[in-house]
Amino acid sequence: MIGKNIYEIRKKKGLTLTELAEQANISKSYLSNIEREINHNPSIQVMGKISKVLGVDLKNLLANKPENPILPESDWLDLVKELKKSGIEIEKLHEYRSVFEFIKWQNNEHKRE
């Protein structure tokens, strides 16, 4: 389960296996073995390095079902700041609902493929 969680989060973050391995300072083959569940028991130090690069809590990597690991709190705050900078007022966000719904639909379609 740990390997699957790492793989899914890595893909959602848009990182390649090589990029994650290099940034976490672990070998690509070791990371690959973790993701493919060949290595079922990686050290807590390695898991800590991976979680740091992925920007998620360690518990999300260890959980049977990860808690929405896509955006950590700081990323949400950065998104809000960007929206504000671009002139979008909080009261007007409902006008963008159709865009959000389209993106949600599109993401669901890609999951089915």
PDB file of N, CA and C in Angstrom:
ATOM      1  N   MET A   1       0.825  -1.198   0.000  1.00  0.00           N
ATOM      2  CA  MET A   1       0.000   0.000   0.000  1.00  0.00           C
ATOM      3  C   MET A   1       0.868   1.261   0.000  1.00  0.00           C
ATOM      4  N   ILE A   2       2.003   1.219   0.693  1.00  0.00           N
ATOM      5  CA  ILE A   2       2.881   2.380   0.758  1.00  0.00           C
ATOM      6  C   ILE A   2       3.361   2.756  -0.632  1.00  0.00           C
ATOM      7  N   GLY A   3       3.786   1.757  -1.394  1.00  0.00           N
ATOM      8  CA  GLY A   3       4.283   2.006  -2.738  1.00  0.00           C
ATOM      9  C   GLY A   3       3.227   2.609  -3.639  1.00  0.00           C
ATOM     10  N   LYS A   4       2.021   2.117  -3.531  1.00  0.00           N
ATOM     11  CA  LYS A   4       0.919   2.644  -4.344  1.00  0.00           C
ATOM     12  C   LYS A   4       0.631   4.100  -3.979  1.00  0.00           C
ATOM     13  N   ASN A   5       0.656   4.402  -2.696  1.00  0.00           N
ATOM     14  CA  ASN A   5       0.425   5.778  -2.248  1.00  0.00           C
ATOM     15  C   ASN A   5       1.500   6.715  -2.802  1.00  0.00           C
ATOM     16  N   ILE A   6       2.754   6.285  -2.721  1.00  0.00           N
ATOM     17  CA  ILE A   6       3.847   7.113  -3.235  1.00  0.00           C
ATOM     18  C   ILE A   6       3.679   7.332  -4.728  1.00  0.00           C
ATOM     19  N   TYR A   7       3.393   6.252  -5.449  1.00  0.00           N
ATOM     20  CA  TYR A   7       3.213   6.340  -6.902  1.00  0.00           C
ATOM     21  C   TYR A   7       2.100   7.325  -7.267  1.00  0.00           C
ATOM     22  N   GLU A   8       0.949   7.190  -6.629  1.00  0.00           N
ATOM     23  CA  GLU A   8      -0.204   8.039  -6.962  1.00  0.00           C
ATOM     24  C   GLU A   8       0.078   9.512  -6.638  1.00  0.00           C
ATOM     25  N   ILE A   9       0.679   9.772  -5.504  1.00  0.00           N
ATOM     26  CA  ILE A   9       0.983  11.151  -5.119  1.00  0.00           C
ATOM     27  C   ILE A   9       2.045  11.733  -6.051  1.00  0.00           C
ATOM     28  N   ARG A  10       3.049  10.921  -6.366  1.00  0.00           N
ATOM     29  CA  ARG A  10       4.109  11.377  -7.277  1.00  0.00           C
ATOM     30  C   ARG A  10       3.528  11.767  -8.629  1.00  0.00           C
ATOM     31  N   LYS A  11       2.634  10.950  -9.150  1.00  0.00           N
ATOM     32  CA  LYS A  11       2.010  11.237 -10.443  1.00  0.00           C
ATOM     33  C   LYS A  11       1.165  12.510 -10.373  1.00  0.00           C
ATOM     34  N   LYS A  12       0.410  12.668  -9.297  1.00  0.00           N
ATOM     35  CA  LYS A  12      -0.423  13.861  -9.139  1.00  0.00           C
ATOM     36  C   LYS A  12       0.414  15.124  -9.038  1.00  0.00           C
ATOM     37  N   LYS A  13       1.609  14.981  -8.491  1.00  0.00           N
ATOM     38  CA  LYS A  13       2.519  16.126  -8.366  1.00  0.00           C
ATOM     39  C   LYS A  13       3.297  16.374  -9.651  1.00  0.00           C
ATOM     40  N   GLY A  14       3.180  15.468 -10.610  1.00  0.00           N
ATOM     41  CA  GLY A  14       3.860  15.633 -11.886  1.00  0.00           C
ATOM     42  C   GLY A  14       5.348  15.342 -11.838  1.00  0.00           C
ATOM     43  N   LEU A  15       5.762  14.493 -10.915  1.00  0.00           N
ATOM     44  CA  LEU A  15       7.176  14.141 -10.791  1.00  0.00           C
ATOM     45  C   LEU A  15       7.452  12.791 -11.437  1.00  0.00           C
ATOM     46  N   THR A  16       8.593  12.680 -12.079  1.00  0.00           N
ATOM     47  CA  THR A  16       9.020  11.385 -12.585  1.00  0.00           C
ATOM     48  C   THR A  16       9.682  10.614 -11.453  1.00  0.00           C
ATOM     49  N   LEU A  17       9.869   9.330 -11.681  1.00  0.00           N
ATOM     50  CA  LEU A  17      10.554   8.497 -10.705  1.00  0.00           C
ATOM     51  C   LEU A  17      11.962   9.036 -10.458  1.00  0.00           C
ATOM     52  N   THR A  18      12.638   9.407 -11.528  1.00  0.00           N
ATOM     53  CA  THR A  18      14.001   9.946 -11.427  1.00  0.00           C
ATOM     54  C   THR A  18      14.027  11.232 -10.621  1.00  0.00           C
ATOM     55  N   GLU A  19      13.090  12.139 -10.891  1.00  0.00           N
ATOM     56  CA  GLU A  19      13.057  13.420 -10.180  1.00  0.00           C
ATOM     57  C   GLU A  19      12.843  13.218  -8.685  1.00  0.00           C
ATOM     58  N   LEU A  20      11.890  12.365  -8.339  1.00  0.00           N
ATOM     59  CA  LEU A  20      11.626  12.125  -6.919  1.00  0.00           C
ATOM     60  C   LEU A  20      12.835  11.484  -6.246  1.00  0.00           C
ATOM     61  N   ALA A  21      13.433  10.501  -6.906  1.00  0.00           N
ATOM     62  CA  ALA A  21      14.589   9.830  -6.329  1.00  0.00           C
ATOM     63  C   ALA A  21      15.743  10.817  -6.104  1.00  0.00           C
ATOM     64  N   GLU A  22      16.012  11.649  -7.104  1.00  0.00           N
ATOM     65  CA  GLU A  22      17.100  12.618  -6.981  1.00  0.00           C
ATOM     66  C   GLU A  22      16.826  13.631  -5.876  1.00  0.00           C
ATOM     67  N   GLN A  23      15.609  14.161  -5.836  1.00  0.00           N
ATOM     68  CA  GLN A  23      15.282  15.171  -4.828  1.00  0.00           C
ATOM     69  C   GLN A  23      15.257  14.593  -3.417  1.00  0.00           C
ATOM     70  N   ALA A  24      14.893  13.317  -3.298  1.00  0.00           N
ATOM     71  CA  ALA A  24      14.866  12.658  -1.983  1.00  0.00           C
ATOM     72  C   ALA A  24      16.229  12.064  -1.628  1.00  0.00           C
ATOM     73  N   ASN A  25      17.161  12.129  -2.569  1.00  0.00           N
ATOM     74  CA  ASN A  25      18.508  11.603  -2.361  1.00  0.00           C
ATOM     75  C   ASN A  25      18.498  10.105  -2.040  1.00  0.00           C
ATOM     76  N   ILE A  26      17.709   9.367  -2.845  1.00  0.00           N
ATOM     77  CA  ILE A  26      17.701   7.906  -2.757  1.00  0.00           C
ATOM     78  C   ILE A  26      17.874   7.362  -4.176  1.00  0.00           C
ATOM     79  N   SER A  27      18.238   6.105  -4.303  1.00  0.00           N
ATOM     80  CA  SER A  27      18.450   5.569  -5.644  1.00  0.00           C
ATOM     81  C   SER A  27      17.113   5.346  -6.350  1.00  0.00           C
ATOM     82  N   LYS A  28      17.165   5.502  -7.659  1.00  0.00           N
ATOM     83  CA  LYS A  28      15.965   5.318  -8.479  1.00  0.00           C
ATOM     84  C   LYS A  28      15.462   3.875  -8.372  1.00  0.00           C
ATOM     85  N   SER A  29      16.389   2.922  -8.362  1.00  0.00           N
ATOM     86  CA  SER A  29      15.985   1.519  -8.282  1.00  0.00           C
ATOM     87  C   SER A  29      15.325   1.208  -6.932  1.00  0.00           C
ATOM     88  N   TYR A  30      15.833   1.821  -5.864  1.00  0.00           N
ATOM     89  CA  TYR A  30      15.239   1.615  -4.536  1.00  0.00           C
ATOM     90  C   TYR A  30      13.820   2.178  -4.502  1.00  0.00           C
ATOM     91  N   LEU A  31      13.654   3.387  -5.041  1.00  0.00           N
ATOM     92  CA  LEU A  31      12.321   3.993  -5.090  1.00  0.00           C
ATOM     93  C   LEU A  31      11.382   3.152  -5.946  1.00  0.00           C
ATOM     94  N   SER A  32      11.874   2.691  -7.068  1.00  0.00           N
ATOM     95  CA  SER A  32      11.062   1.844  -7.943  1.00  0.00           C
ATOM     96  C   SER A  32      10.613   0.578  -7.215  1.00  0.00           C
ATOM     97  N   ASN A  33      11.527  -0.019  -6.462  1.00  0.00           N
ATOM     98  CA  ASN A  33      11.172  -1.224  -5.694  1.00  0.00           C
ATOM     99  C   ASN A  33      10.116  -0.933  -4.636  1.00  0.00           C
ATOM    100  N   ILE A  34      10.168   0.245  -4.040  1.00  0.00           N
ATOM    101  CA  ILE A  34       9.149   0.630  -3.053  1.00  0.00           C
ATOM    102  C   ILE A  34       7.804   0.792  -3.753  1.00  0.00           C
ATOM    103  N   GLU A  35       7.787   1.533  -4.856  1.00  0.00           N
ATOM    104  CA  GLU A  35       6.528   1.778  -5.566  1.00  0.00           C
ATOM    105  C   GLU A  35       5.905   0.493  -6.092  1.00  0.00           C
ATOM    106  N   ARG A  36       6.739  -0.448  -6.534  1.00  0.00           N
ATOM    107  CA  ARG A  36       6.218  -1.706  -7.072  1.00  0.00           C
ATOM    108  C   ARG A  36       5.955  -2.744  -5.985  1.00  0.00           C
ATOM    109  N   GLU A  37       6.092  -2.324  -4.723  1.00  0.00           N
ATOM    110  CA  GLU A  37       5.822  -3.176  -3.557  1.00  0.00           C
ATOM    111  C   GLU A  37       6.773  -4.364  -3.476  1.00  0.00           C
ATOM    112  N   ILE A  38       7.958  -4.226  -4.081  1.00  0.00           N
ATOM    113  CA  ILE A  38       8.990  -5.254  -3.929  1.00  0.00           C
ATOM    114  C   ILE A  38       9.652  -5.081  -2.567  1.00  0.00           C
ATOM    115  N   ASN A  39       9.889  -3.834  -2.199  1.00  0.00           N
ATOM    116  CA  ASN A  39      10.402  -3.512  -0.861  1.00  0.00           C
ATOM    117  C   ASN A  39       9.191  -3.084  -0.026  1.00  0.00           C
ATOM    118  N   HIS A  40       8.762  -3.957   0.857  1.00  0.00           N
ATOM    119  CA  HIS A  40       7.566  -3.697   1.670  1.00  0.00           C
ATOM    120  C   HIS A  40       7.854  -2.927   2.950  1.00  0.00           C
ATOM    121  N   ASN A  41       9.136  -2.753   3.266  1.00  0.00           N
ATOM    122  CA  ASN A  41       9.472  -2.177   4.559  1.00  0.00           C
ATOM    123  C   ASN A  41      10.595  -1.139   4.451  1.00  0.00           C
ATOM    124  N   PRO A  42      10.354  -0.023   3.740  1.00  0.00           N
ATOM    125  CA  PRO A  42      11.402   1.007   3.668  1.00  0.00           C
ATOM    126  C   PRO A  42      11.604   1.666   5.029  1.00  0.00           C
ATOM    127  N   SER A  43      12.800   2.181   5.259  1.00  0.00           N
ATOM    128  CA  SER A  43      13.094   2.799   6.558  1.00  0.00           C
ATOM    129  C   SER A  43      12.281   4.086   6.735  1.00  0.00           C
ATOM    130  N   ILE A  44      12.098   4.457   7.971  1.00  0.00           N
ATOM    131  CA  ILE A  44      11.363   5.684   8.287  1.00  0.00           C
ATOM    132  C   ILE A  44      12.118   6.904   7.769  1.00  0.00           C
ATOM    133  N   GLN A  45      13.452   6.826   7.728  1.00  0.00           N
ATOM    134  CA  GLN A  45      14.243   7.939   7.198  1.00  0.00           C
ATOM    135  C   GLN A  45      13.970   8.141   5.711  1.00  0.00           C
ATOM    136  N   VAL A  46      13.915   7.049   4.965  1.00  0.00           N
ATOM    137  CA  VAL A  46      13.625   7.130   3.525  1.00  0.00           C
ATOM    138  C   VAL A  46      12.208   7.653   3.320  1.00  0.00           C
ATOM    139  N   MET A  47      11.266   7.151   4.092  1.00  0.00           N
ATOM    140  CA  MET A  47       9.873   7.598   3.973  1.00  0.00           C
ATOM    141  C   MET A  47       9.773   9.091   4.286  1.00  0.00           C
ATOM    142  N   GLY A  48      10.554   9.542   5.263  1.00  0.00           N
ATOM    143  CA  GLY A  48      10.565  10.961   5.612  1.00  0.00           C
ATOM    144  C   GLY A  48      11.076  11.811   4.465  1.00  0.00           C
ATOM    145  N   LYS A  49      12.132  11.345   3.799  1.00  0.00           N
ATOM    146  CA  LYS A  49      12.680  12.077   2.656  1.00  0.00           C
ATOM    147  C   LYS A  49      11.652  12.165   1.521  1.00  0.00           C
ATOM    148  N   ILE A  50      10.992  11.053   1.256  1.00  0.00           N
ATOM    149  CA  ILE A  50      10.001  11.015   0.177  1.00  0.00           C
ATOM    150  C   ILE A  50       8.824  11.930   0.498  1.00  0.00           C
ATOM    151  N   SER A  51       8.328  11.860   1.728  1.00  0.00           N
ATOM    152  CA  SER A  51       7.177  12.695   2.104  1.00  0.00           C
ATOM    153  C   SER A  51       7.523  14.178   2.031  1.00  0.00           C
ATOM    154  N   LYS A  52       8.751  14.524   2.384  1.00  0.00           N
ATOM    155  CA  LYS A  52       9.181  15.926   2.325  1.00  0.00           C
ATOM    156  C   LYS A  52       9.178  16.437   0.885  1.00  0.00           C
ATOM    157  N   VAL A  53       9.736  15.652  -0.025  1.00  0.00           N
ATOM    158  CA  VAL A  53       9.775  16.057  -1.438  1.00  0.00           C
ATOM    159  C   VAL A  53       8.363  16.139  -2.013  1.00  0.00           C
ATOM    160  N   LEU A  54       7.509  15.201  -1.639  1.00  0.00           N
ATOM    161  CA  LEU A  54       6.136  15.200  -2.157  1.00  0.00           C
ATOM    162  C   LEU A  54       5.265  16.264  -1.489  1.00  0.00           C
ATOM    163  N   GLY A  55       5.728  16.809  -0.377  1.00  0.00           N
ATOM    164  CA  GLY A  55       4.973  17.844   0.315  1.00  0.00           C
ATOM    165  C   GLY A  55       3.737  17.335   1.021  1.00  0.00           C
ATOM    166  N   VAL A  56       3.819  16.102   1.521  1.00  0.00           N
ATOM    167  CA  VAL A  56       2.692  15.513   2.244  1.00  0.00           C
ATOM    168  C   VAL A  56       3.173  15.002   3.592  1.00  0.00           C
ATOM    169  N   ASP A  57       2.244  14.828   4.511  1.00  0.00           N
ATOM    170  CA  ASP A  57       2.582  14.248   5.812  1.00  0.00           C
ATOM    171  C   ASP A  57       2.944  12.784   5.623  1.00  0.00           C
ATOM    172  N   LEU A  58       3.840  12.328   6.448  1.00  0.00           N
ATOM    173  CA  LEU A  58       4.257  10.931   6.410  1.00  0.00           C
ATOM    174  C   LEU A  58       3.064   9.994   6.565  1.00  0.00           C
ATOM    175  N   LYS A  59       2.094  10.386   7.375  1.00  0.00           N
ATOM    176  CA  LYS A  59       0.922   9.521   7.593  1.00  0.00           C
ATOM    177  C   LYS A  59       0.151   9.278   6.300  1.00  0.00           C
ATOM    178  N   ASN A  60       0.219  10.215   5.340  1.00  0.00           N
ATOM    179  CA  ASN A  60      -0.459  10.006   4.064  1.00  0.00           C
ATOM    180  C   ASN A  60       0.199   8.904   3.251  1.00  0.00           C
ATOM    181  N   LEU A  61       1.504   8.752   3.398  1.00  0.00           N
ATOM    182  CA  LEU A  61       2.192   7.684   2.677  1.00  0.00           C
ATOM    183  C   LEU A  61       1.939   6.332   3.314  1.00  0.00           C
ATOM    184  N   LEU A  62       1.739   6.318   4.623  1.00  0.00           N
ATOM    185  CA  LEU A  62       1.574   5.074   5.360  1.00  0.00           C
ATOM    186  C   LEU A  62       0.125   4.610   5.446  1.00  0.00           C
ATOM    187  N   ALA A  63      -0.812   5.497   5.178  1.00  0.00           N
ATOM    188  CA  ALA A  63      -2.234   5.188   5.358  1.00  0.00           C
ATOM    189  C   ALA A  63      -2.722   4.166   4.337  1.00  0.00           C
ATOM    190  N   ASN A  64      -3.730   3.390   4.749  1.00  0.00           N
ATOM    191  CA  ASN A  64      -4.375   2.472   3.817  1.00  0.00           C
ATOM    192  C   ASN A  64      -5.048   3.231   2.692  1.00  0.00           C
ATOM    193  N   LYS A  65      -5.597   4.368   3.035  1.00  0.00           N
ATOM    194  CA  LYS A  65      -6.222   5.233   2.052  1.00  0.00           C
ATOM    195  C   LYS A  65      -5.733   6.646   2.351  1.00  0.00           C
ATOM    196  N   PRO A  66      -4.867   7.204   1.496  1.00  0.00           N
ATOM    197  CA  PRO A  66      -4.308   8.521   1.805  1.00  0.00           C
ATOM    198  C   PRO A  66      -5.382   9.596   1.873  1.00  0.00           C
ATOM    199  N   GLU A  67      -5.186  10.528   2.804  1.00  0.00           N
ATOM    200  CA  GLU A  67      -6.087  11.667   2.927  1.00  0.00           C
ATOM    201  C   GLU A  67      -5.716  12.684   1.874  1.00  0.00           C
ATOM    202  N   ASN A  68      -6.604  13.079   1.037  1.00  0.00           N
ATOM    203  CA  ASN A  68      -6.408  14.057  -0.027  1.00  0.00           C
ATOM    204  C   ASN A  68      -5.009  14.678  -0.029  1.00  0.00           C
ATOM    205  N   PRO A  69      -4.041  13.981  -0.606  1.00  0.00           N
ATOM    206  CA  PRO A  69      -2.663  14.437  -0.537  1.00  0.00           C
ATOM    207  C   PRO A  69      -2.278  15.453  -1.604  1.00  0.00           C
ATOM    208  N   ILE A  70      -3.230  15.871  -2.407  1.00  0.00           N
ATOM    209  CA  ILE A  70      -2.897  16.685  -3.570  1.00  0.00           C
ATOM    210  C   ILE A  70      -2.280  18.021  -3.208  1.00  0.00           C
ATOM    211  N   LEU A  71      -2.908  18.787  -2.348  1.00  0.00           N
ATOM    212  CA  LEU A  71      -2.372  20.108  -2.020  1.00  0.00           C
ATOM    213  C   LEU A  71      -2.211  20.277  -0.512  1.00  0.00           C
ATOM    214  N   PRO A  72      -0.993  20.491  -0.058  1.00  0.00           N
ATOM    215  CA  PRO A  72      -0.833  20.829   1.353  1.00  0.00           C
ATOM    216  C   PRO A  72      -1.377  22.232   1.630  1.00  0.00           C
ATOM    217  N   GLU A  73      -1.586  22.553   2.870  1.00  0.00           N
ATOM    218  CA  GLU A  73      -2.184  23.829   3.275  1.00  0.00           C
ATOM    219  C   GLU A  73      -1.490  25.026   2.638  1.00  0.00           C
ATOM    220  N   SER A  74      -0.170  25.011   2.589  1.00  0.00           N
ATOM    221  CA  SER A  74       0.549  26.160   2.033  1.00  0.00           C
ATOM    222  C   SER A  74       0.237  26.363   0.551  1.00  0.00           C
ATOM    223  N   ASP A  75       0.012  25.260  -0.183  1.00  0.00           N
ATOM    224  CA  ASP A  75      -0.335  25.383  -1.601  1.00  0.00           C
ATOM    225  C   ASP A  75      -1.709  26.020  -1.782  1.00  0.00           C
ATOM    226  N   TRP A  76      -2.639  25.710  -0.894  1.00  0.00           N
ATOM    227  CA  TRP A  76      -3.970  26.324  -0.962  1.00  0.00           C
ATOM    228  C   TRP A  76      -3.861  27.827  -0.714  1.00  0.00           C
ATOM    229  N   LEU A  77      -3.046  28.187   0.269  1.00  0.00           N
ATOM    230  CA  LEU A  77      -2.864  29.611   0.571  1.00  0.00           C
ATOM    231  C   LEU A  77      -2.214  30.337  -0.603  1.00  0.00           C
ATOM    232  N   ASP A  78      -1.241  29.690  -1.249  1.00  0.00           N
ATOM    233  CA  ASP A  78      -0.606  30.285  -2.427  1.00  0.00           C
ATOM    234  C   ASP A  78      -1.619  30.471  -3.556  1.00  0.00           C
ATOM    235  N   LEU A  79      -2.494  29.493  -3.733  1.00  0.00           N
ATOM    236  CA  LEU A  79      -3.523  29.594  -4.759  1.00  0.00           C
ATOM    237  C   LEU A  79      -4.455  30.775  -4.492  1.00  0.00           C
ATOM    238  N   VAL A  80      -4.862  30.927  -3.258  1.00  0.00           N
ATOM    239  CA  VAL A  80      -5.744  32.044  -2.888  1.00  0.00           C
ATOM    240  C   VAL A  80      -5.045  33.376  -3.150  1.00  0.00           C
ATOM    241  N   LYS A  81      -3.759  33.460  -2.808  1.00  0.00           N
ATOM    242  CA  LYS A  81      -3.003  34.690  -3.053  1.00  0.00           C
ATOM    243  C   LYS A  81      -2.935  35.006  -4.548  1.00  0.00           C
ATOM    244  N   GLU A  82      -2.720  33.976  -5.369  1.00  0.00           N
ATOM    245  CA  GLU A  82      -2.658  34.168  -6.823  1.00  0.00           C
ATOM    246  C   GLU A  82      -4.003  34.643  -7.369  1.00  0.00           C
ATOM    247  N   LEU A  83      -5.078  34.043  -6.876  1.00  0.00           N
ATOM    248  CA  LEU A  83      -6.409  34.478  -7.308  1.00  0.00           C
ATOM    249  C   LEU A  83      -6.641  35.940  -6.951  1.00  0.00           C
ATOM    250  N   LYS A  84      -6.250  36.297  -5.751  1.00  0.00           N
ATOM    251  CA  LYS A  84      -6.421  37.674  -5.290  1.00  0.00           C
ATOM    252  C   LYS A  84      -5.602  38.634  -6.153  1.00  0.00           C
ATOM    253  N   LYS A  85      -4.334  38.239  -6.448  1.00  0.00           N
ATOM    254  CA  LYS A  85      -3.467  39.072  -7.278  1.00  0.00           C
ATOM    255  C   LYS A  85      -4.040  39.270  -8.678  1.00  0.00           C
ATOM    256  N   SER A  86      -4.719  38.244  -9.186  1.00  0.00           N
ATOM    257  CA  SER A  86      -5.260  38.331 -10.537  1.00  0.00           C
ATOM    258  C   SER A  86      -6.574  39.105 -10.591  1.00  0.00           C
ATOM    259  N   GLY A  87      -7.024  39.586  -9.432  1.00  0.00           N
ATOM    260  CA  GLY A  87      -8.208  40.437  -9.408  1.00  0.00           C
ATOM    261  C   GLY A  87      -9.517  39.706  -9.154  1.00  0.00           C
ATOM    262  N   ILE A  88      -9.457  38.442  -8.839  1.00  0.00           N
ATOM    263  CA  ILE A  88     -10.676  37.680  -8.572  1.00  0.00           C
ATOM    264  C   ILE A  88     -11.065  37.882  -7.112  1.00  0.00           C
ATOM    265  N   GLU A  89     -12.237  38.433  -6.909  1.00  0.00           N
ATOM    266  CA  GLU A  89     -12.732  38.668  -5.555  1.00  0.00           C
ATOM    267  C   GLU A  89     -13.479  37.441  -5.069  1.00  0.00           C
ATOM    268  N   ILE A  90     -13.417  37.217  -3.778  1.00  0.00           N
ATOM    269  CA  ILE A  90     -14.032  36.023  -3.194  1.00  0.00           C
ATOM    270  C   ILE A  90     -15.537  35.950  -3.501  1.00  0.00           C
ATOM    271  N   GLU A  91     -16.170  37.094  -3.556  1.00  0.00           N
ATOM    272  CA  GLU A  91     -17.605  37.127  -3.839  1.00  0.00           C
ATOM    273  C   GLU A  91     -17.917  36.665  -5.263  1.00  0.00           C
ATOM    274  N   LYS A  92     -16.950  36.758  -6.152  1.00  0.00           N
ATOM    275  CA  LYS A  92     -17.166  36.411  -7.555  1.00  0.00           C
ATOM    276  C   LYS A  92     -16.775  34.970  -7.889  1.00  0.00           C
ATOM    277  N   LEU A  93     -16.248  34.247  -6.914  1.00  0.00           N
ATOM    278  CA  LEU A  93     -15.803  32.879  -7.186  1.00  0.00           C
ATOM    279  C   LEU A  93     -16.924  31.992  -7.718  1.00  0.00           C
ATOM    280  N   HIS A  94     -18.148  32.227  -7.272  1.00  0.00           N
ATOM    281  CA  HIS A  94     -19.257  31.387  -7.744  1.00  0.00           C
ATOM    282  C   HIS A  94     -19.431  31.488  -9.255  1.00  0.00           C
ATOM    283  N   GLU A  95     -18.974  32.575  -9.870  1.00  0.00           N
ATOM    284  CA  GLU A  95     -19.073  32.728 -11.316  1.00  0.00           C
ATOM    285  C   GLU A  95     -18.157  31.751 -12.049  1.00  0.00           C
ATOM    286  N   TYR A  96     -17.160  31.231 -11.367  1.00  0.00           N
ATOM    287  CA  TYR A  96     -16.216  30.300 -11.966  1.00  0.00           C
ATOM    288  C   TYR A  96     -16.600  28.847 -11.713  1.00  0.00           C
ATOM    289  N   ARG A  97     -17.743  28.627 -11.105  1.00  0.00           N
ATOM    290  CA  ARG A  97     -18.187  27.282 -10.757  1.00  0.00           C
ATOM    291  C   ARG A  97     -18.226  26.358 -11.972  1.00  0.00           C
ATOM    292  N   SER A  98     -18.694  26.853 -13.111  1.00  0.00           N
ATOM    293  CA  SER A  98     -18.764  25.995 -14.295  1.00  0.00           C
ATOM    294  C   SER A  98     -17.373  25.552 -14.741  1.00  0.00           C
ATOM    295  N   VAL A  99     -16.387  26.419 -14.582  1.00  0.00           N
ATOM    296  CA  VAL A  99     -15.013  26.050 -14.918  1.00  0.00           C
ATOM    297  C   VAL A  99     -14.533  24.941 -13.981  1.00  0.00           C
ATOM    298  N   PHE A 100     -14.808  25.098 -12.684  1.00  0.00           N
ATOM    299  CA  PHE A 100     -14.412  24.085 -11.710  1.00  0.00           C
ATOM    300  C   PHE A 100     -15.111  22.752 -11.986  1.00  0.00           C
ATOM    301  N   GLU A 101     -16.380  22.809 -12.338  1.00  0.00           N
ATOM    302  CA  GLU A 101     -17.133  21.594 -12.643  1.00  0.00           C
ATOM    303  C   GLU A 101     -16.565  20.897 -13.880  1.00  0.00           C
ATOM    304  N   PHE A 102     -16.172  21.688 -14.887  1.00  0.00           N
ATOM    305  CA  PHE A 102     -15.581  21.111 -16.087  1.00  0.00           C
ATOM    306  C   PHE A 102     -14.267  20.412 -15.746  1.00  0.00           C
ATOM    307  N   ILE A 103     -13.437  21.051 -14.950  1.00  0.00           N
ATOM    308  CA  ILE A 103     -12.156  20.451 -14.560  1.00  0.00           C
ATOM    309  C   ILE A 103     -12.396  19.164 -13.779  1.00  0.00           C
ATOM    310  N   LYS A 104     -13.369  19.173 -12.885  1.00  0.00           N
ATOM    311  CA  LYS A 104     -13.706  17.985 -12.106  1.00  0.00           C
ATOM    312  C   LYS A 104     -14.153  16.854 -13.035  1.00  0.00           C
ATOM    313  N   TRP A 105     -15.019  17.186 -13.994  1.00  0.00           N
ATOM    314  CA  TRP A 105     -15.488  16.198 -14.960  1.00  0.00           C
ATOM    315  C   TRP A 105     -14.317  15.638 -15.768  1.00  0.00           C
ATOM    316  N   GLN A 106     -13.444  16.540 -16.224  1.00  0.00           N
ATOM    317  CA  GLN A 106     -12.293  16.142 -17.029  1.00  0.00           C
ATOM    318  C   GLN A 106     -11.370  15.205 -16.239  1.00  0.00           C
ATOM    319  N   ASN A 107     -11.136  15.520 -14.980  1.00  0.00           N
ATOM    320  CA  ASN A 107     -10.295  14.665 -14.145  1.00  0.00           C
ATOM    321  C   ASN A 107     -10.915  13.286 -13.963  1.00  0.00           C
ATOM    322  N   ASN A 108     -12.227  13.222 -13.792  1.00  0.00           N
ATOM    323  CA  ASN A 108     -12.907  11.945 -13.653  1.00  0.00           C
ATOM    324  C   ASN A 108     -12.826  11.120 -14.930  1.00  0.00           C
ATOM    325  N   GLU A 109     -12.899  11.786 -16.075  1.00  0.00           N
ATOM    326  CA  GLU A 109     -12.791  11.090 -17.350  1.00  0.00           C
ATOM    327  C   GLU A 109     -11.410  10.467 -17.510  1.00  0.00           C
ATOM    328  N   HIS A 110     -10.370  11.187 -17.092  1.00  0.00           N
ATOM    329  CA  HIS A 110      -9.003  10.666 -17.206  1.00  0.00           C
ATOM    330  C   HIS A 110      -8.776   9.494 -16.274  1.00  0.00           C
ATOM    331  N   LYS A 111      -9.453   9.475 -15.133  1.00  0.00           N
ATOM    332  CA  LYS A 111      -9.296   8.362 -14.189  1.00  0.00           C
ATOM    333  C   LYS A 111      -9.888   7.082 -14.772  1.00  0.00           C
ATOM    334  N   ARG A 112     -10.926   7.217 -15.592  1.00  0.00           N
ATOM    335  CA  ARG A 112     -11.590   6.044 -16.176  1.00  0.00           C
ATOM    336  C   ARG A 112     -10.769   5.420 -17.285  1.00  0.00           C
ATOM    337  N   GLU A 113      -9.877   6.177 -17.890  1.00  0.00           N
ATOM    338  CA  GLU A 113      -9.099   5.672 -19.033  1.00  0.00           C
ATOM    339  C   GLU A 113      -8.074   4.678 -18.656  1.00  0.00           C
TER     340      GLU A 113
END
